[in-house]
Amino acid sequence: MPFLIETYDKPGHEALRLDTRDAHLTYLDHHVGQLIACGAKLTDDGKTAHGGIYLVAVESRSEAEAFIEADPFYRAGLFERIEICRWRKAYLDGRNTLT
């Protein structure tokens, strides 16, 4: 069963996010086979990222932890907090996947 990883950036670390973004995207490109979905959480004006959501196809919490801990954002110390939980796909791309 997949896992949802939600990250929360440390306040005032927008420059670190921007400085590390290219390495982060390269990391995601190398692990695209594990990504169901991934993207930044944005402020209401849509201009500033302040965390992210990752839906990853891994088999265990330890694999989800290893995935996020290898991310350049994590390694650079961007995150204030990370939450990880199992995720069940119910609706995806406008379709009910439970039937």
Protein backbone atom coordinates (compact mmCIF):
# COMPACT_ATOMS: atom_id res chain seq x y z
CA MET A 1 0.00 0.00 0.00
CA PRO A 2 1.36 3.46 -0.88
CA PHE A 3 2.39 6.11 1.61
CA LEU A 4 1.64 9.82 1.81
CA ILE A 5 4.51 12.02 2.94
CA GLU A 6 3.66 15.59 3.87
CA THR A 7 6.47 18.05 4.52
CA TYR A 8 6.41 21.43 6.22
CA ASP A 9 9.19 23.91 5.49
CA LYS A 10 10.95 25.81 8.24
CA PRO A 11 9.70 29.42 8.29
CA GLY A 12 11.96 31.86 6.49
CA HIS A 13 13.72 29.19 4.42
CA GLU A 14 12.41 30.17 0.98
CA ALA A 15 15.95 30.88 -0.30
CA LEU A 16 17.14 27.42 0.78
CA ARG A 17 14.20 25.85 -1.08
CA LEU A 18 15.09 27.76 -4.24
CA ASP A 19 18.81 27.00 -3.93
CA THR A 20 18.11 23.26 -3.54
CA ARG A 21 15.25 22.96 -6.03
CA ASP A 22 17.28 21.71 -9.02
CA ALA A 23 18.88 18.91 -6.98
CA HIS A 24 15.44 18.04 -5.55
CA LEU A 25 13.91 17.79 -9.04
CA THR A 26 16.81 15.65 -10.26
CA TYR A 27 16.25 13.34 -7.27
CA LEU A 28 12.56 13.05 -8.14
CA ASP A 29 13.39 12.35 -11.81
CA HIS A 30 15.62 9.46 -10.69
CA HIS A 31 12.79 8.04 -8.56
CA VAL A 32 9.84 8.73 -10.87
CA GLY A 33 8.91 5.03 -10.83
CA GLN A 34 8.03 5.33 -7.13
CA LEU A 35 6.01 8.53 -7.48
CA ILE A 36 2.24 8.33 -7.77
CA ALA A 37 2.03 12.10 -7.38
CA CYS A 38 4.18 14.84 -5.94
CA GLY A 39 4.07 18.59 -5.65
CA ALA A 40 4.60 21.69 -3.56
CA LYS A 41 2.07 23.19 -1.18
CA LEU A 42 1.65 26.87 -2.05
CA THR A 43 0.53 30.01 -0.28
CA ASP A 44 -2.91 31.31 -1.26
CA ASP A 45 -1.42 33.65 -3.85
CA GLY A 46 0.15 30.62 -5.58
CA LYS A 47 3.63 32.13 -5.50
CA THR A 48 5.50 30.67 -2.53
CA ALA A 49 6.04 27.00 -1.70
CA HIS A 50 6.05 26.10 1.97
CA GLY A 51 6.14 22.31 1.97
CA GLY A 52 5.13 19.39 -0.18
CA ILE A 53 3.04 16.28 -0.69
CA TYR A 54 4.50 13.03 -1.97
CA LEU A 55 2.44 9.93 -2.76
CA VAL A 56 4.98 7.14 -3.06
CA ALA A 57 4.62 3.51 -4.07
CA VAL A 58 6.71 1.79 -1.43
CA GLU A 59 5.97 -1.24 0.75
CA SER A 60 6.88 -0.02 4.23
CA ARG A 61 7.16 3.01 6.47
CA SER A 62 10.93 2.50 6.59
CA GLU A 63 11.07 2.75 2.77
CA ALA A 64 8.99 5.94 2.88
CA GLU A 65 11.32 7.37 5.54
CA ALA A 66 14.37 6.43 3.48
CA PHE A 67 12.81 8.03 0.39
CA ILE A 68 12.26 11.41 2.05
CA GLU A 69 15.55 11.33 3.96
CA ALA A 70 17.44 10.98 0.66
CA ASP A 71 15.68 14.01 -0.85
CA PRO A 72 18.02 17.00 -1.19
CA PHE A 73 15.44 19.22 0.53
CA TYR A 74 15.64 16.98 3.60
CA ARG A 75 19.44 16.77 3.47
CA ALA A 76 19.69 20.57 3.25
CA GLY A 77 17.60 20.93 6.43
CA LEU A 78 14.58 22.56 4.77
CA PHE A 79 11.87 20.70 6.65
CA GLU A 80 10.54 21.70 10.04
CA ARG A 81 8.26 18.67 10.21
CA ILE A 82 7.40 15.55 8.20
CA GLU A 83 4.29 13.39 8.51
CA ILE A 84 4.09 9.93 6.96
CA CYS A 85 1.02 7.69 6.78
CA ARG A 86 -0.33 4.88 4.65
CA TRP A 87 -2.59 5.97 1.80
CA ARG A 88 -5.40 4.11 0.06
CA LYS A 89 -6.22 5.15 -3.47
CA ALA A 90 -9.97 5.68 -3.82
CA TYR A 91 -10.41 8.31 -6.52
CA LEU A 92 -7.69 9.19 -8.98
CA ASP A 93 -7.90 11.15 -12.21
CA GLY A 94 -11.68 11.45 -11.84
CA ARG A 95 -12.20 7.70 -11.46
CA ASN A 96 -13.34 5.55 -8.56
CA THR A 97 -10.57 2.96 -8.21
CA LEU A 98 -12.31 1.00 -5.44
CA THR A 99 -14.65 -0.86 -7.78
